[in-house]
Amino acid sequence: MAQISSKKYVYLLIFVSFTLMFFSSSVKNVFQVWFVDICTSFGVTRAEFSLSGVTFMMITGVGAWVAGLLSDRLGVRKTILLGNVLIALSFIGSALIANFYAFVAIYGGLSAFALAAVQYVPMGVLVEETFKGSKNKGLIYALLINGTGLGFVILSPLWVYLNLTISWQEIYLILGVFFLVVLTPLLFIALPLSPAPSQNTAAQTQHDPHFWQNILMNPAFWFIALSFFGCGINMAFIDIHFVPMMQDQYTAPAIVGASLAVLGVMEMVGGFIAGWLSDRTRPAMLLSGFYFLRAVSGWLLMQSTNETMLVVFSAIFGATYLGTVIVTSLFTLQYFGKENKGAVFGLVFFIHQIGASLSTWAGAHIFDSYGSYHYAVALATAFSVASALIALGLFNTKAAYS
């Protein structure tokens, strides 16, 4: 894909991509805030309802790999447009059905794939292809995916307050229509459909019988993938169980909203720091540092007895939230070859989502068994420590930006 030269088009591309990331955060945030309400409306326990979250996490992982392949083969713009339309259809479909297993199929399946087709993997490919040679790719990527952080800051507190007066079906319908009627035309303007990439290089490489064998035998792949597995454990707990945990302990919407806002603000700050450092620092120390901070935040959450400690946890965890994603994304996209960057990063993200699925399932079952998320937080903290140690294995790896 040719590098974009028009500054006006670059600004438009960044604005619309950021806007898409901002509103796509609602796929998880709305589910999180209305978690208990949706669970109650279907008459199932939290453990039973966790099937929808587990399915979502696993399909997101598979979807990330597929989205990577589509980005390499069909073009990243077509992939993102497809994902946006499917998000709209999944919101509308979820609101109109009355069967729990149909909800699992639509939310856990369709919306999961749709989200994977617009977020981290395709956005990473878009930045890599569009800003070739730029010394600020890390910052640009951080800017785009920080749209999800702004979603925490602005949308999550809004959802918390709307949760008091609006049903989950109503908010799902509103968002579905918005994605279909507003965002789709914007994406058509900012992301014009381009011809599919040449099939010769990428296709021949991926059809090489030794290609995936070489990837899987590369120690760097496993250091990055296994540390990212631990990231999935932690991020899924925040995405699925953090709000229900706060609602159980601190019923005031102001406390829940403030914690999410702080988390979102620090997510954006940490994302920009990670983007800037990614262009200047080896991935091992950067990743390990982010995971260590995440372990500290988990320990603080385990000790949390008041609102102040909850906000401190949100600040520290938020600072690491996108940092691990940005460093992992940029390392993978640059280290494992230009022709198959999407496919390999998709596989890494799939392993991340295996961890996310286990965390979603375990968190719900731990709560039903003990009436508390305490042991789930302890488990997530232990995986953060493990990820910090595993990431050090990349210390002697010479990435393109090291």
Protein backbone atom coordinates (compact mmCIF):
# COMPACT_ATOMS: atom_id res chain seq x y z
CA MET A 1 0.00 0.00 0.00
CA ALA A 2 1.39 3.35 -0.95
CA GLN A 3 2.41 5.68 1.84
CA ILE A 4 -0.05 8.51 2.31
CA SER A 5 1.34 11.92 1.32
CA SER A 6 -1.55 14.37 1.77
CA LYS A 7 -1.41 15.96 5.21
CA LYS A 8 -5.14 16.73 5.17
CA TYR A 9 -5.92 13.10 4.42
CA VAL A 10 -3.58 11.95 7.17
CA TYR A 11 -5.40 14.17 9.68
CA LEU A 12 -8.76 12.87 8.47
CA LEU A 13 -7.53 9.28 8.71
CA ILE A 14 -6.27 9.79 12.26
CA PHE A 15 -9.43 11.60 13.38
CA VAL A 16 -11.85 8.99 12.03
CA SER A 17 -9.73 6.05 13.22
CA PHE A 18 -9.52 7.59 16.69
CA THR A 19 -13.29 8.18 16.68
CA LEU A 20 -13.90 4.55 15.74
CA MET A 21 -11.65 3.34 18.55
CA PHE A 22 -13.42 5.70 20.96
CA PHE A 23 -16.90 4.37 20.23
CA SER A 24 -15.82 0.75 19.72
CA SER A 25 -14.85 0.73 23.40
CA SER A 26 -18.60 0.69 24.10
CA VAL A 27 -18.78 -2.93 22.88
CA LYS A 28 -17.09 -4.00 26.12
CA ASN A 29 -17.91 -1.07 28.38
CA VAL A 30 -21.69 -1.25 27.94
CA PHE A 31 -21.63 -5.01 28.54
CA GLN A 32 -19.55 -4.39 31.66
CA VAL A 33 -21.82 -1.72 33.15
CA TRP A 34 -25.08 -3.57 32.36
CA PHE A 35 -23.53 -6.96 33.23
CA VAL A 36 -25.77 -7.62 36.23
CA ASP A 37 -28.88 -6.29 34.45
CA ILE A 38 -28.36 -8.47 31.38
CA CYS A 39 -27.63 -11.46 33.61
CA THR A 40 -30.84 -10.85 35.56
CA SER A 41 -32.95 -10.32 32.43
CA PHE A 42 -32.03 -13.81 31.20
CA GLY A 43 -32.53 -15.39 34.64
CA VAL A 44 -29.06 -16.93 34.92
CA THR A 45 -26.32 -16.78 37.55
CA ARG A 46 -23.10 -14.86 37.04
CA ALA A 47 -21.23 -18.11 36.52
CA GLU A 48 -23.72 -19.18 33.84
CA PHE A 49 -23.71 -15.73 32.28
CA SER A 50 -19.91 -15.82 32.09
CA LEU A 51 -20.39 -18.10 29.06
CA SER A 52 -21.11 -14.96 27.03
CA GLY A 53 -17.91 -13.30 28.24
CA VAL A 54 -15.78 -16.42 27.75
CA THR A 55 -17.16 -16.86 24.24
CA PHE A 56 -16.50 -13.19 23.52
CA MET A 57 -12.89 -13.43 24.67
CA MET A 58 -12.16 -16.59 22.67
CA ILE A 59 -13.83 -15.37 19.49
CA THR A 60 -11.99 -12.06 19.82
CA GLY A 61 -8.76 -14.05 19.83
CA VAL A 62 -9.71 -16.10 16.78
CA GLY A 63 -11.09 -12.94 15.19
CA ALA A 64 -7.81 -11.11 15.76
CA TRP A 65 -5.94 -13.83 13.87
CA VAL A 66 -8.52 -13.80 11.06
CA ALA A 67 -8.48 -9.98 10.99
CA GLY A 68 -4.71 -10.11 10.65
CA LEU A 69 -4.97 -12.51 7.72
CA LEU A 70 -7.66 -10.37 6.09
CA SER A 71 -5.57 -7.24 6.57
CA ASP A 72 -2.63 -8.91 4.84
CA ARG A 73 -4.69 -10.45 2.03
CA LEU A 74 -7.72 -8.19 1.37
CA GLY A 75 -6.45 -4.90 2.75
CA VAL A 76 -6.77 -3.30 6.14
CA ARG A 77 -9.38 -0.75 5.02
CA LYS A 78 -11.86 -3.41 3.91
CA THR A 79 -11.25 -5.28 7.15
CA ILE A 80 -12.03 -2.24 9.31
CA LEU A 81 -15.16 -1.36 7.33
CA LEU A 82 -16.45 -4.92 7.68
CA GLY A 83 -15.83 -4.86 11.42
CA ASN A 84 -17.71 -1.59 11.87
CA VAL A 85 -20.82 -2.85 10.07
CA LEU A 86 -20.78 -6.08 12.07
CA ILE A 87 -20.56 -4.12 15.34
CA ALA A 88 -23.73 -2.28 14.34
CA LEU A 89 -25.55 -5.51 13.48
CA SER A 90 -24.41 -7.20 16.69
CA PHE A 91 -25.71 -4.36 18.88
CA ILE A 92 -29.08 -4.35 17.12
CA GLY A 93 -29.35 -8.14 17.07
CA SER A 94 -28.48 -8.48 20.78
CA ALA A 95 -31.19 -5.96 21.70
CA LEU A 96 -33.91 -7.76 19.74
CA ILE A 97 -33.45 -11.34 20.92
CA ALA A 98 -34.93 -12.86 24.08
CA ASN A 99 -32.95 -16.10 24.33
CA PHE A 100 -29.75 -16.29 26.38
CA TYR A 101 -27.94 -18.63 24.01
CA ALA A 102 -28.86 -16.43 21.05
CA PHE A 103 -27.32 -13.53 22.99
CA VAL A 104 -24.16 -15.59 23.54
CA ALA A 105 -23.97 -16.28 19.81
CA ILE A 106 -24.52 -12.65 18.78
CA TYR A 107 -22.56 -10.86 21.49
CA GLY A 108 -20.00 -13.54 22.19
CA GLY A 109 -19.53 -14.44 18.54
CA LEU A 110 -20.46 -11.72 16.07
CA SER A 111 -19.53 -8.64 18.10
CA ALA A 112 -16.29 -10.29 19.26
CA PHE A 113 -15.10 -10.85 15.70
CA ALA A 114 -16.32 -7.38 14.72
CA LEU A 115 -14.34 -5.72 17.52
CA ALA A 116 -11.21 -7.64 16.57
CA ALA A 117 -11.63 -6.40 12.99
CA VAL A 118 -11.50 -2.72 13.99
CA GLN A 119 -9.14 -2.57 16.96
CA TYR A 120 -5.55 -3.48 17.84
CA VAL A 121 -4.44 -5.78 15.00
CA PRO A 122 -5.91 -3.89 12.00
CA MET A 123 -5.01 -0.52 13.54
CA GLY A 124 -1.44 -1.72 13.99
CA VAL A 125 -1.30 -2.85 10.37
CA LEU A 126 -2.85 0.46 9.24
CA VAL A 127 -0.18 2.46 11.07
CA GLU A 128 2.63 0.20 9.86
CA GLU A 129 1.53 0.51 6.22
CA THR A 130 0.51 4.17 6.24
CA PHE A 131 3.43 5.68 8.16
CA LYS A 132 6.34 3.69 6.76
CA GLY A 133 9.66 5.16 7.75
CA SER A 134 8.16 7.53 10.31
CA LYS A 135 10.09 7.91 13.55
CA ASN A 136 6.83 8.45 15.41
CA LYS A 137 4.90 5.30 14.51
CA GLY A 138 4.73 4.37 18.16
CA LEU A 139 3.19 7.70 19.08
CA ILE A 140 0.71 7.54 16.18
CA TYR A 141 -0.37 4.03 17.11
CA ALA A 142 -0.69 5.10 20.74
CA LEU A 143 -2.83 8.05 19.67
CA LEU A 144 -5.24 5.88 17.69
CA ILE A 145 -5.78 3.16 20.24
CA ASN A 146 -5.99 5.72 23.03
CA GLY A 147 -9.47 6.24 21.68
CA THR A 148 -10.40 3.31 23.92
CA GLY A 149 -8.87 5.15 26.87
CA LEU A 150 -10.96 8.22 26.17
CA GLY A 151 -13.92 5.86 26.02
CA PHE A 152 -13.20 4.92 29.63
CA VAL A 153 -12.91 8.58 30.60
CA ILE A 154 -16.07 9.86 28.90
CA LEU A 155 -18.31 6.95 27.95
CA SER A 156 -17.91 4.60 30.91
CA PRO A 157 -19.06 7.14 33.54
CA LEU A 158 -21.89 8.08 31.18
CA TRP A 159 -22.97 4.43 30.95
CA VAL A 160 -22.85 4.14 34.75
CA TYR A 161 -25.36 6.97 35.13
CA LEU A 162 -27.54 5.91 32.20
CA ASN A 163 -27.67 2.45 33.76
CA LEU A 164 -30.01 3.94 36.37
CA THR A 165 -32.67 4.94 33.83
CA ILE A 166 -32.11 3.11 30.52
CA SER A 167 -32.41 -0.61 29.85
CA TRP A 168 -29.60 -2.51 28.21
CA GLN A 169 -31.79 -3.23 25.17
CA GLU A 170 -32.37 0.50 24.60
CA ILE A 171 -28.69 1.43 24.80
CA TYR A 172 -27.77 -1.46 22.49
CA LEU A 173 -30.28 -0.26 19.87
CA ILE A 174 -29.04 3.33 20.08
CA LEU A 175 -25.42 2.28 19.63
CA GLY A 176 -26.24 -0.10 16.78
CA VAL A 177 -27.97 2.62 14.80
CA PHE A 178 -25.11 5.04 15.53
CA PHE A 179 -22.45 2.66 14.19
CA LEU A 180 -24.52 1.93 11.09
CA VAL A 181 -25.76 5.43 10.22
CA VAL A 182 -22.91 7.67 11.45
CA LEU A 183 -19.63 5.77 11.57
CA THR A 184 -20.01 3.72 8.40
CA PRO A 185 -20.21 6.77 6.08
CA LEU A 186 -17.30 8.41 7.91
CA LEU A 187 -15.17 5.33 7.37
CA PHE A 188 -16.08 5.20 3.69
CA ILE A 189 -14.79 8.76 3.36
CA ALA A 190 -11.64 8.39 5.47
CA LEU A 191 -10.76 4.81 4.50
CA PRO A 192 -11.47 4.53 0.76
CA LEU A 193 -11.56 0.98 -0.53
CA SER A 194 -8.19 0.20 -2.08
CA PRO A 195 -7.22 -2.75 -4.27
CA ALA A 196 -6.26 -5.88 -2.37
CA PRO A 197 -2.54 -6.17 -1.67
CA SER A 198 -0.49 -8.19 -4.12
CA GLN A 199 -1.01 -11.86 -3.45
CA ASN A 200 2.45 -13.00 -4.53
CA THR A 201 4.59 -12.14 -1.51
CA ALA A 202 2.26 -12.57 1.47
CA ALA A 203 0.40 -15.55 0.07
CA GLN A 204 3.58 -17.39 -0.95
CA THR A 205 5.15 -16.76 2.44
CA GLN A 206 2.11 -17.98 4.38
CA HIS A 207 1.80 -21.04 2.10
CA ASP A 208 5.43 -21.92 2.78
CA PRO A 209 5.13 -25.15 4.85
CA HIS A 210 7.98 -23.95 7.05
CA PHE A 211 6.65 -20.43 7.67
CA TRP A 212 4.57 -21.11 10.79
CA GLN A 213 7.07 -23.73 11.96
CA ASN A 214 9.79 -21.09 11.92
CA ILE A 215 7.56 -18.62 13.75
CA LEU A 216 6.64 -21.13 16.46
CA MET A 217 10.26 -22.20 16.91
CA ASN A 218 11.42 -18.63 17.42
CA PRO A 219 12.00 -18.03 21.18
CA ALA A 220 11.06 -14.35 20.75
CA PHE A 221 7.55 -15.40 19.69
CA TRP A 222 6.97 -17.32 22.90
CA PHE A 223 8.46 -14.65 25.16
CA ILE A 224 6.10 -12.09 23.66
CA ALA A 225 3.08 -14.42 23.43
CA LEU A 226 3.30 -15.90 26.94
CA SER A 227 3.83 -12.52 28.57
CA PHE A 228 0.81 -11.29 26.58
CA PHE A 229 -1.15 -14.29 27.88
CA GLY A 230 -0.75 -12.82 31.37
CA CYS A 231 -1.87 -9.46 30.02
CA GLY A 232 -5.08 -11.13 28.83
CA ILE A 233 -5.70 -12.51 32.32
CA ASN A 234 -5.57 -9.01 33.80
CA MET A 235 -7.34 -7.05 31.09
CA ALA A 236 -10.29 -9.45 31.03
CA PHE A 237 -10.76 -9.10 34.77
CA ILE A 238 -10.97 -5.32 34.38
CA ASP A 239 -13.17 -5.51 31.28
CA ILE A 240 -15.66 -8.00 32.73
CA HIS A 241 -15.51 -8.11 36.52
CA PHE A 242 -14.12 -4.77 37.75
CA VAL A 243 -17.41 -2.82 37.56
CA PRO A 244 -19.51 -5.62 39.16
CA MET A 245 -16.87 -5.84 41.92
CA MET A 246 -17.10 -2.08 42.55
CA GLN A 247 -20.90 -2.18 42.41
CA ASP A 248 -20.84 -4.90 45.10
CA GLN A 249 -18.48 -2.95 47.38
CA TYR A 250 -19.21 0.70 46.55
CA THR A 251 -22.78 1.19 45.46
CA ALA A 252 -22.51 4.93 44.73
CA PRO A 253 -22.35 5.50 40.95
CA ALA A 254 -20.03 8.48 41.56
CA ILE A 255 -17.34 6.19 42.98
CA VAL A 256 -17.64 3.69 40.15
CA GLY A 257 -17.64 6.45 37.53
CA ALA A 258 -14.67 8.25 39.10
CA SER A 259 -12.59 5.07 39.21
CA LEU A 260 -13.32 4.34 35.54
CA ALA A 261 -12.52 7.93 34.59
CA VAL A 262 -9.17 7.84 36.40
CA LEU A 263 -8.38 4.48 34.81
CA GLY A 264 -9.17 5.92 31.39
CA VAL A 265 -7.11 9.08 31.87
CA MET A 266 -4.08 7.11 33.01
CA GLU A 267 -4.66 4.61 30.20
CA MET A 268 -4.18 7.47 27.75
CA VAL A 269 -1.14 8.85 29.58
CA GLY A 270 0.46 5.41 29.78
CA GLY A 271 -0.33 4.77 26.13
CA PHE A 272 1.47 7.90 24.98
CA ILE A 273 4.46 7.15 27.23
CA ALA A 274 4.61 3.61 25.83
CA GLY A 275 4.35 4.89 22.25
CA TRP A 276 7.17 7.38 22.77
CA LEU A 277 9.43 4.90 24.55
CA SER A 278 8.70 2.14 22.01
CA ASP A 279 10.61 4.10 19.38
CA ARG A 280 13.61 4.45 21.69
CA THR A 281 13.83 1.51 24.10
CA ARG A 282 14.29 -2.24 23.97
CA PRO A 283 10.99 -4.08 24.47
CA ALA A 284 12.21 -6.29 27.31
CA MET A 285 12.70 -3.60 29.94
CA LEU A 286 9.65 -1.64 28.82
CA LEU A 287 7.30 -4.63 28.89
CA SER A 288 8.68 -5.98 32.14
CA GLY A 289 8.29 -2.58 33.78
CA PHE A 290 4.65 -2.28 32.72
CA TYR A 291 3.84 -5.77 33.99
CA PHE A 292 5.60 -5.11 37.29
CA LEU A 293 3.53 -1.93 37.79
CA ARG A 294 0.42 -3.94 37.01
CA ALA A 295 1.36 -6.46 39.70
CA VAL A 296 1.75 -3.60 42.18
CA SER A 297 -1.70 -2.31 41.26
CA GLY A 298 -3.18 -5.77 41.79
CA TRP A 299 -1.63 -5.98 45.25
CA LEU A 300 -3.15 -2.58 46.07
CA LEU A 301 -6.59 -3.71 44.89
CA MET A 302 -6.36 -6.75 47.17
CA GLN A 303 -5.69 -4.39 50.09
CA SER A 304 -8.37 -1.89 49.06
CA THR A 305 -10.65 -0.92 51.93
CA ASN A 306 -11.72 2.57 50.85
CA GLU A 307 -12.38 4.74 47.84
CA THR A 308 -8.92 6.34 47.87
CA MET A 309 -7.10 3.04 47.43
CA LEU A 310 -9.54 2.09 44.67
CA VAL A 311 -8.68 5.26 42.76
CA VAL A 312 -4.93 4.67 43.28
CA PHE A 313 -5.36 1.17 41.85
CA SER A 314 -7.23 2.59 38.87
CA ALA A 315 -4.45 5.12 38.24
CA ILE A 316 -1.61 2.59 38.32
CA PHE A 317 -3.42 -0.13 36.40
CA GLY A 318 -4.64 2.40 33.87
CA ALA A 319 -1.07 3.53 33.20
CA THR A 320 -0.21 -0.03 32.14
CA TYR A 321 -3.45 -0.88 30.32
CA LEU A 322 -2.42 0.08 26.79
CA GLY A 323 1.32 0.11 27.44
CA THR A 324 1.62 -3.66 27.17
CA VAL A 325 -0.56 -3.71 24.04
CA ILE A 326 1.44 -0.99 22.28
CA VAL A 327 4.88 -2.46 22.99
CA THR A 328 3.74 -5.98 22.09
CA SER A 329 2.03 -4.78 18.92
CA LEU A 330 4.95 -2.76 17.61
CA PHE A 331 7.49 -5.44 18.42
CA THR A 332 5.47 -8.14 16.66
CA LEU A 333 4.58 -6.02 13.63
CA GLN A 334 8.21 -5.04 13.02
CA TYR A 335 10.09 -8.16 14.05
CA PHE A 336 8.26 -10.96 12.23
CA GLY A 337 8.24 -9.66 8.66
CA LYS A 338 6.38 -7.00 6.71
CA GLU A 339 4.36 -9.36 4.52
CA ASN A 340 2.72 -11.29 7.36
CA LYS A 341 2.68 -8.78 10.19
CA GLY A 342 -1.10 -9.00 10.64
CA ALA A 343 -1.24 -12.80 10.71
CA VAL A 344 1.55 -13.19 13.28
CA PHE A 345 0.24 -10.43 15.55
CA GLY A 346 -3.20 -12.00 15.25
CA LEU A 347 -1.79 -15.28 16.58
CA VAL A 348 -0.11 -13.46 19.47
CA PHE A 349 -3.42 -11.74 20.25
CA PHE A 350 -5.22 -15.09 20.09
CA ILE A 351 -2.96 -16.38 22.88
CA HIS A 352 -3.73 -13.17 24.80
CA GLN A 353 -7.44 -13.96 24.47
CA ILE A 354 -7.00 -17.51 25.78
CA GLY A 355 -5.82 -15.89 28.99
CA ALA A 356 -8.73 -13.45 28.83
CA SER A 357 -11.21 -16.31 28.46
CA LEU A 358 -9.80 -18.18 31.43
CA SER A 359 -9.93 -15.01 33.53
CA THR A 360 -13.54 -14.32 32.55
CA TRP A 361 -14.60 -17.86 33.44
CA ALA A 362 -12.53 -18.12 36.63
CA GLY A 363 -13.59 -14.71 37.94
CA ALA A 364 -17.29 -15.56 37.73
CA HIS A 365 -16.88 -18.99 39.29
CA ILE A 366 -14.66 -17.64 42.07
CA PHE A 367 -17.31 -15.05 42.88
CA ASP A 368 -20.12 -17.62 42.96
CA SER A 369 -18.02 -19.91 45.17
CA TYR A 370 -16.69 -17.34 47.67
CA GLY A 371 -19.00 -14.34 47.26
CA SER A 372 -15.98 -12.19 46.49
CA TYR A 373 -13.47 -11.45 43.72
CA HIS A 374 -10.50 -11.41 46.14
CA TYR A 375 -8.95 -14.67 44.95
CA ALA A 376 -9.51 -13.69 41.32
CA VAL A 377 -7.51 -10.50 41.91
CA ALA A 378 -4.75 -12.54 43.56
CA LEU A 379 -4.61 -14.89 40.56
CA ALA A 380 -4.40 -11.97 38.11
CA THR A 381 -1.63 -10.37 40.18
CA ALA A 382 0.40 -13.59 40.12
CA PHE A 383 0.18 -13.69 36.33
CA SER A 384 1.39 -10.09 36.15
CA VAL A 385 4.52 -11.08 38.05
CA ALA A 386 5.02 -14.05 35.70
CA SER A 387 4.62 -11.81 32.63
CA ALA A 388 7.17 -9.35 34.01
CA LEU A 389 9.72 -12.16 34.32
CA ILE A 390 8.92 -13.74 30.95
CA ALA A 391 9.24 -10.40 29.13
CA LEU A 392 12.86 -10.18 30.23
CA GLY A 393 13.56 -13.00 27.78
CA LEU A 394 13.37 -10.38 25.01
CA PHE A 395 16.34 -8.51 26.46
CA ASN A 396 18.82 -9.60 23.76
CA THR A 397 16.26 -9.54 20.95
CA LYS A 398 17.07 -6.90 18.35
CA ALA A 399 13.73 -5.49 17.29
CA ALA A 400 13.54 -2.99 14.47
CA TYR A 401 13.03 -0.12 16.89
CA SER A 402 15.51 -1.18 19.56
